[in-house]
Structures are given as structure tokens and as C-alpha cells.
Amino acid sequence: MQVLIGGVVAAVLGLVGLIAWWKEFLLILMGGIPVALLLGGALAIYVGYDELKDQMREKKEKEKESKEKGDELKKTKEELEKAKEEVEKLKSEKSKAKK
């Protein structure tokens, strides 16, 4: 309840102060808007740069993963070819043994 009363009192005093010092309020507002825009723009630049770095890092990681998968695939194909050669060799040896 005390917070509610304090809030009402603060709002009323703020409204009275805004009416009494309207010109000063506009002066402060005119000085604050460029500063807020400058700080907001700097923040947007920083966030955009950080996002760009993250995207580049992810792209490099994906390229590395695809290269590793390609190497694994190549190794697996080579092993498969060796296994096929061994199977053919065993088949030919078996057919020679039957004759």
C-alpha cells in the first residue's frame, strides 16, 4: 500500500514539475536525443560486428567439418575398394582350388 501511495505522489510531483519547468525539460530533451542516438548507433554497430564475427566463425567450422567428413568418406571408400579386391581375390583362389 505504501508503494502505491509513493507512486501516486511521485507521479503527481513529476506532472507538476513537468508543467512548471516545461522549457527546461525541452532543453534537456533536445540535448539528450543526439546523445541517445549516438549511443544507440554505437551499440548497433558493435552488435552487428559481433554477429558478423560469429557468422564467419560458424562458416569456418562448417567448412572444417565438411572437409573432415569428406576425408572420412574418402577413407571409407578406399577401405571398401580394398575389401572388394580381397573378396575378388578370395573368389578367384576358391575357383582355382575347385579345379
N, C-alpha and C. Protein backbone atom coordinates (compact mmCIF):
# COMPACT_ATOMS: atom_id res chain seq x y z
N MET A 1 0.82 -1.18 0.00
CA MET A 1 0.00 0.00 0.00
C MET A 1 0.87 1.26 0.00
N GLN A 2 1.98 1.18 0.76
CA GLN A 2 2.88 2.33 0.83
C GLN A 2 3.52 2.61 -0.53
N VAL A 3 3.82 1.53 -1.26
CA VAL A 3 4.41 1.70 -2.58
C VAL A 3 3.43 2.39 -3.51
N LEU A 4 2.16 2.02 -3.42
CA LEU A 4 1.12 2.64 -4.25
C LEU A 4 1.00 4.13 -3.95
N ILE A 5 0.97 4.47 -2.70
CA ILE A 5 0.87 5.88 -2.31
C ILE A 5 2.11 6.65 -2.76
N GLY A 6 3.29 6.04 -2.56
CA GLY A 6 4.52 6.68 -3.01
C GLY A 6 4.55 6.88 -4.52
N GLY A 7 4.02 5.91 -5.26
CA GLY A 7 3.95 6.03 -6.71
C GLY A 7 3.03 7.14 -7.16
N VAL A 8 1.89 7.26 -6.50
CA VAL A 8 0.94 8.33 -6.83
C VAL A 8 1.56 9.69 -6.54
N VAL A 9 2.20 9.82 -5.38
CA VAL A 9 2.83 11.10 -5.00
C VAL A 9 3.93 11.45 -6.01
N ALA A 10 4.76 10.47 -6.40
CA ALA A 10 5.83 10.72 -7.36
C ALA A 10 5.27 11.13 -8.71
N ALA A 11 4.20 10.49 -9.16
CA ALA A 11 3.60 10.83 -10.45
C ALA A 11 3.04 12.25 -10.43
N VAL A 12 2.36 12.62 -9.34
CA VAL A 12 1.80 13.98 -9.23
C VAL A 12 2.91 15.02 -9.20
N LEU A 13 3.96 14.79 -8.41
CA LEU A 13 5.09 15.72 -8.36
C LEU A 13 5.79 15.82 -9.71
N GLY A 14 5.90 14.70 -10.39
CA GLY A 14 6.50 14.71 -11.72
C GLY A 14 5.69 15.51 -12.71
N LEU A 15 4.37 15.39 -12.67
CA LEU A 15 3.49 16.15 -13.56
C LEU A 15 3.57 17.64 -13.25
N VAL A 16 3.57 17.99 -11.96
CA VAL A 16 3.68 19.40 -11.57
C VAL A 16 5.03 19.96 -12.01
N GLY A 17 6.10 19.19 -11.83
CA GLY A 17 7.43 19.63 -12.24
C GLY A 17 7.54 19.79 -13.74
N LEU A 18 6.92 18.90 -14.47
CA LEU A 18 6.95 18.96 -15.93
C LEU A 18 6.22 20.21 -16.43
N ILE A 19 5.11 20.53 -15.80
CA ILE A 19 4.36 21.74 -16.18
C ILE A 19 5.15 22.99 -15.79
N ALA A 20 5.73 23.00 -14.61
CA ALA A 20 6.43 24.18 -14.11
C ALA A 20 7.72 24.44 -14.90
N TRP A 21 8.43 23.38 -15.28
CA TRP A 21 9.72 23.55 -15.96
C TRP A 21 9.67 22.98 -17.38
N TRP A 22 8.64 23.28 -18.12
CA TRP A 22 8.45 22.76 -19.46
C TRP A 22 9.59 23.16 -20.40
N LYS A 23 10.01 24.44 -20.36
CA LYS A 23 11.07 24.90 -21.25
C LYS A 23 12.39 24.19 -20.92
N GLU A 24 12.69 24.05 -19.65
CA GLU A 24 13.91 23.36 -19.24
C GLU A 24 13.88 21.89 -19.65
N PHE A 25 12.67 21.28 -19.53
CA PHE A 25 12.51 19.89 -19.94
C PHE A 25 12.81 19.73 -21.42
N LEU A 26 12.27 20.63 -22.25
CA LEU A 26 12.53 20.56 -23.69
C LEU A 26 14.01 20.78 -24.00
N LEU A 27 14.66 21.67 -23.27
CA LEU A 27 16.08 21.92 -23.46
C LEU A 27 16.90 20.66 -23.17
N ILE A 28 16.58 20.01 -22.06
CA ILE A 28 17.27 18.76 -21.72
C ILE A 28 16.98 17.68 -22.76
N LEU A 29 15.73 17.60 -23.20
CA LEU A 29 15.34 16.63 -24.20
C LEU A 29 16.08 16.87 -25.50
N MET A 30 16.22 18.14 -25.90
CA MET A 30 16.95 18.46 -27.13
C MET A 30 18.43 18.07 -27.01
N GLY A 31 18.99 18.18 -25.84
CA GLY A 31 20.38 17.78 -25.65
C GLY A 31 20.55 16.29 -25.50
N GLY A 32 19.53 15.62 -25.02
CA GLY A 32 19.62 14.18 -24.76
C GLY A 32 19.38 13.31 -25.97
N ILE A 33 18.57 13.78 -26.91
CA ILE A 33 18.24 12.97 -28.08
C ILE A 33 19.48 12.66 -28.93
N PRO A 34 20.32 13.64 -29.26
CA PRO A 34 21.52 13.29 -30.04
C PRO A 34 22.45 12.33 -29.32
N VAL A 35 22.58 12.49 -28.00
CA VAL A 35 23.43 11.58 -27.24
C VAL A 35 22.85 10.17 -27.27
N ALA A 36 21.54 10.06 -27.10
CA ALA A 36 20.89 8.75 -27.14
C ALA A 36 21.04 8.11 -28.52
N LEU A 37 20.90 8.90 -29.59
CA LEU A 37 21.09 8.36 -30.93
C LEU A 37 22.52 7.91 -31.17
N LEU A 38 23.47 8.68 -30.68
CA LEU A 38 24.87 8.33 -30.83
C LEU A 38 25.20 7.03 -30.09
N LEU A 39 24.74 6.92 -28.86
CA LEU A 39 25.00 5.70 -28.08
C LEU A 39 24.26 4.50 -28.67
N GLY A 40 23.04 4.71 -29.12
CA GLY A 40 22.29 3.62 -29.75
C GLY A 40 22.94 3.15 -31.04
N GLY A 41 23.43 4.09 -31.84
CA GLY A 41 24.13 3.72 -33.08
C GLY A 41 25.41 2.97 -32.80
N ALA A 42 26.16 3.41 -31.79
CA ALA A 42 27.39 2.71 -31.43
C ALA A 42 27.09 1.29 -30.96
N LEU A 43 26.03 1.13 -30.20
CA LEU A 43 25.64 -0.20 -29.74
C LEU A 43 25.24 -1.08 -30.92
N ALA A 44 24.49 -0.54 -31.87
CA ALA A 44 24.07 -1.31 -33.04
C ALA A 44 25.29 -1.73 -33.88
N ILE A 45 26.26 -0.84 -34.00
CA ILE A 45 27.48 -1.18 -34.75
C ILE A 45 28.22 -2.32 -34.06
N TYR A 46 28.35 -2.23 -32.75
CA TYR A 46 29.04 -3.28 -32.00
C TYR A 46 28.33 -4.63 -32.14
N VAL A 47 27.01 -4.63 -31.99
CA VAL A 47 26.24 -5.87 -32.08
C VAL A 47 26.34 -6.46 -33.49
N GLY A 48 26.26 -5.60 -34.51
CA GLY A 48 26.37 -6.07 -35.89
C GLY A 48 27.74 -6.66 -36.17
N TYR A 49 28.79 -6.03 -35.67
CA TYR A 49 30.15 -6.53 -35.87
C TYR A 49 30.33 -7.87 -35.17
N ASP A 50 29.81 -7.99 -33.96
CA ASP A 50 29.91 -9.24 -33.21
C ASP A 50 29.16 -10.36 -33.92
N GLU A 51 28.00 -10.05 -34.47
CA GLU A 51 27.21 -11.04 -35.20
C GLU A 51 27.95 -11.48 -36.46
N LEU A 52 28.59 -10.55 -37.14
CA LEU A 52 29.36 -10.86 -38.34
C LEU A 52 30.52 -11.79 -38.01
N LYS A 53 31.21 -11.53 -36.89
CA LYS A 53 32.30 -12.40 -36.47
C LYS A 53 31.77 -13.81 -36.17
N ASP A 54 30.62 -13.90 -35.51
CA ASP A 54 30.04 -15.21 -35.21
C ASP A 54 29.70 -15.97 -36.48
N GLN A 55 29.14 -15.28 -37.47
CA GLN A 55 28.79 -15.93 -38.73
C GLN A 55 30.04 -16.44 -39.44
N MET A 56 31.11 -15.66 -39.43
CA MET A 56 32.34 -16.08 -40.07
C MET A 56 32.94 -17.29 -39.34
N ARG A 57 32.87 -17.30 -38.01
CA ARG A 57 33.38 -18.42 -37.23
C ARG A 57 32.57 -19.68 -37.53
N GLU A 58 31.26 -19.56 -37.61
CA GLU A 58 30.41 -20.71 -37.92
C GLU A 58 30.70 -21.24 -39.31
N LYS A 59 30.92 -20.34 -40.27
CA LYS A 59 31.22 -20.76 -41.63
C LYS A 59 32.52 -21.55 -41.68
N LYS A 60 33.54 -21.08 -40.96
CA LYS A 60 34.82 -21.79 -40.92
C LYS A 60 34.65 -23.17 -40.28
N GLU A 61 33.87 -23.24 -39.21
CA GLU A 61 33.65 -24.52 -38.54
C GLU A 61 32.92 -25.50 -39.46
N LYS A 62 31.92 -25.01 -40.21
CA LYS A 62 31.19 -25.87 -41.13
C LYS A 62 32.10 -26.37 -42.24
N GLU A 63 32.97 -25.49 -42.76
CA GLU A 63 33.91 -25.91 -43.80
C GLU A 63 34.86 -26.97 -43.26
N LYS A 64 35.32 -26.79 -42.02
CA LYS A 64 36.23 -27.75 -41.41
C LYS A 64 35.53 -29.09 -41.23
N GLU A 65 34.27 -29.05 -40.76
CA GLU A 65 33.51 -30.29 -40.56
C GLU A 65 33.28 -31.00 -41.88
N SER A 66 32.92 -30.24 -42.93
CA SER A 66 32.67 -30.87 -44.22
C SER A 66 33.95 -31.46 -44.79
N LYS A 67 35.08 -30.81 -44.55
CA LYS A 67 36.36 -31.34 -45.01
C LYS A 67 36.67 -32.64 -44.28
N GLU A 68 36.44 -32.64 -42.96
CA GLU A 68 36.67 -33.85 -42.18
C GLU A 68 35.76 -34.99 -42.64
N LYS A 69 34.50 -34.66 -42.92
CA LYS A 69 33.57 -35.69 -43.40
C LYS A 69 34.01 -36.20 -44.76
N GLY A 70 34.49 -35.30 -45.60
CA GLY A 70 34.99 -35.70 -46.92
C GLY A 70 36.19 -36.62 -46.80
N ASP A 71 37.09 -36.31 -45.86
CA ASP A 71 38.25 -37.18 -45.63
C ASP A 71 37.81 -38.54 -45.13
N GLU A 72 36.84 -38.56 -44.21
CA GLU A 72 36.33 -39.83 -43.70
C GLU A 72 35.67 -40.63 -44.81
N LEU A 73 34.91 -39.95 -45.66
CA LEU A 73 34.25 -40.63 -46.77
C LEU A 73 35.28 -41.21 -47.74
N LYS A 74 36.31 -40.46 -48.02
CA LYS A 74 37.36 -40.92 -48.92
C LYS A 74 38.05 -42.15 -48.33
N LYS A 75 38.34 -42.09 -47.02
CA LYS A 75 38.99 -43.22 -46.35
C LYS A 75 38.08 -44.45 -46.38
N THR A 76 36.80 -44.24 -46.16
CA THR A 76 35.85 -45.36 -46.18
C THR A 76 35.76 -45.97 -47.57
N LYS A 77 35.75 -45.13 -48.61
CA LYS A 77 35.71 -45.64 -49.98
C LYS A 77 36.96 -46.46 -50.29
N GLU A 78 38.11 -45.98 -49.83
CA GLU A 78 39.35 -46.73 -50.06
C GLU A 78 39.30 -48.09 -49.36
N GLU A 79 38.79 -48.11 -48.12
CA GLU A 79 38.67 -49.37 -47.40
C GLU A 79 37.70 -50.31 -48.11
N LEU A 80 36.62 -49.77 -48.66
CA LEU A 80 35.64 -50.57 -49.39
C LEU A 80 36.28 -51.17 -50.64
N GLU A 81 37.06 -50.39 -51.35
CA GLU A 81 37.74 -50.89 -52.55
C GLU A 81 38.71 -52.01 -52.18
N LYS A 82 39.45 -51.84 -51.09
CA LYS A 82 40.37 -52.89 -50.65
C LYS A 82 39.60 -54.16 -50.30
N ALA A 83 38.46 -53.98 -49.62
CA ALA A 83 37.65 -55.15 -49.26
C ALA A 83 37.13 -55.85 -50.50
N LYS A 84 36.70 -55.07 -51.50
CA LYS A 84 36.23 -55.67 -52.76
C LYS A 84 37.34 -56.45 -53.45
N GLU A 85 38.53 -55.88 -53.46
CA GLU A 85 39.67 -56.56 -54.08
C GLU A 85 39.98 -57.87 -53.36
N GLU A 86 39.91 -57.85 -52.02
CA GLU A 86 40.16 -59.06 -51.25
C GLU A 86 39.10 -60.12 -51.54
N VAL A 87 37.84 -59.67 -51.64
CA VAL A 87 36.76 -60.62 -51.95
C VAL A 87 36.99 -61.24 -53.33
N GLU A 88 37.32 -60.41 -54.31
CA GLU A 88 37.58 -60.93 -55.66
C GLU A 88 38.77 -61.89 -55.64
N LYS A 89 39.79 -61.56 -54.89
CA LYS A 89 40.98 -62.41 -54.78
C LYS A 89 40.61 -63.75 -54.16
N LEU A 90 39.81 -63.71 -53.09
CA LEU A 90 39.39 -64.96 -52.44
C LEU A 90 38.50 -65.79 -53.36
N LYS A 91 37.63 -65.12 -54.13
CA LYS A 91 36.78 -65.85 -55.07
C LYS A 91 37.61 -66.55 -56.14
N SER A 92 38.61 -65.84 -56.66
CA SER A 92 39.43 -66.44 -57.70
C SER A 92 40.27 -67.57 -57.13
N GLU A 93 40.77 -67.46 -55.90
CA GLU A 93 41.51 -68.52 -55.28
C GLU A 93 40.63 -69.74 -55.03
N LYS A 94 39.40 -69.48 -54.62
CA LYS A 94 38.46 -70.58 -54.35
C LYS A 94 38.11 -71.31 -55.64
N SER A 95 37.92 -70.54 -56.73
CA SER A 95 37.58 -71.20 -58.01
C SER A 95 38.77 -71.98 -58.54
N LYS A 96 39.98 -71.52 -58.31
CA LYS A 96 41.18 -72.25 -58.72
C LYS A 96 41.33 -73.53 -57.90
N ALA A 97 40.97 -73.45 -56.63
CA ALA A 97 41.10 -74.62 -55.75
C ALA A 97 40.10 -75.70 -56.14
N LYS A 98 38.95 -75.32 -56.66
CA LYS A 98 37.94 -76.31 -57.06
C LYS A 98 38.36 -77.05 -58.32
N LYS A 99 39.14 -76.42 -59.18
CA LYS A 99 39.53 -77.04 -60.45
C LYS A 99 40.62 -78.00 -60.21
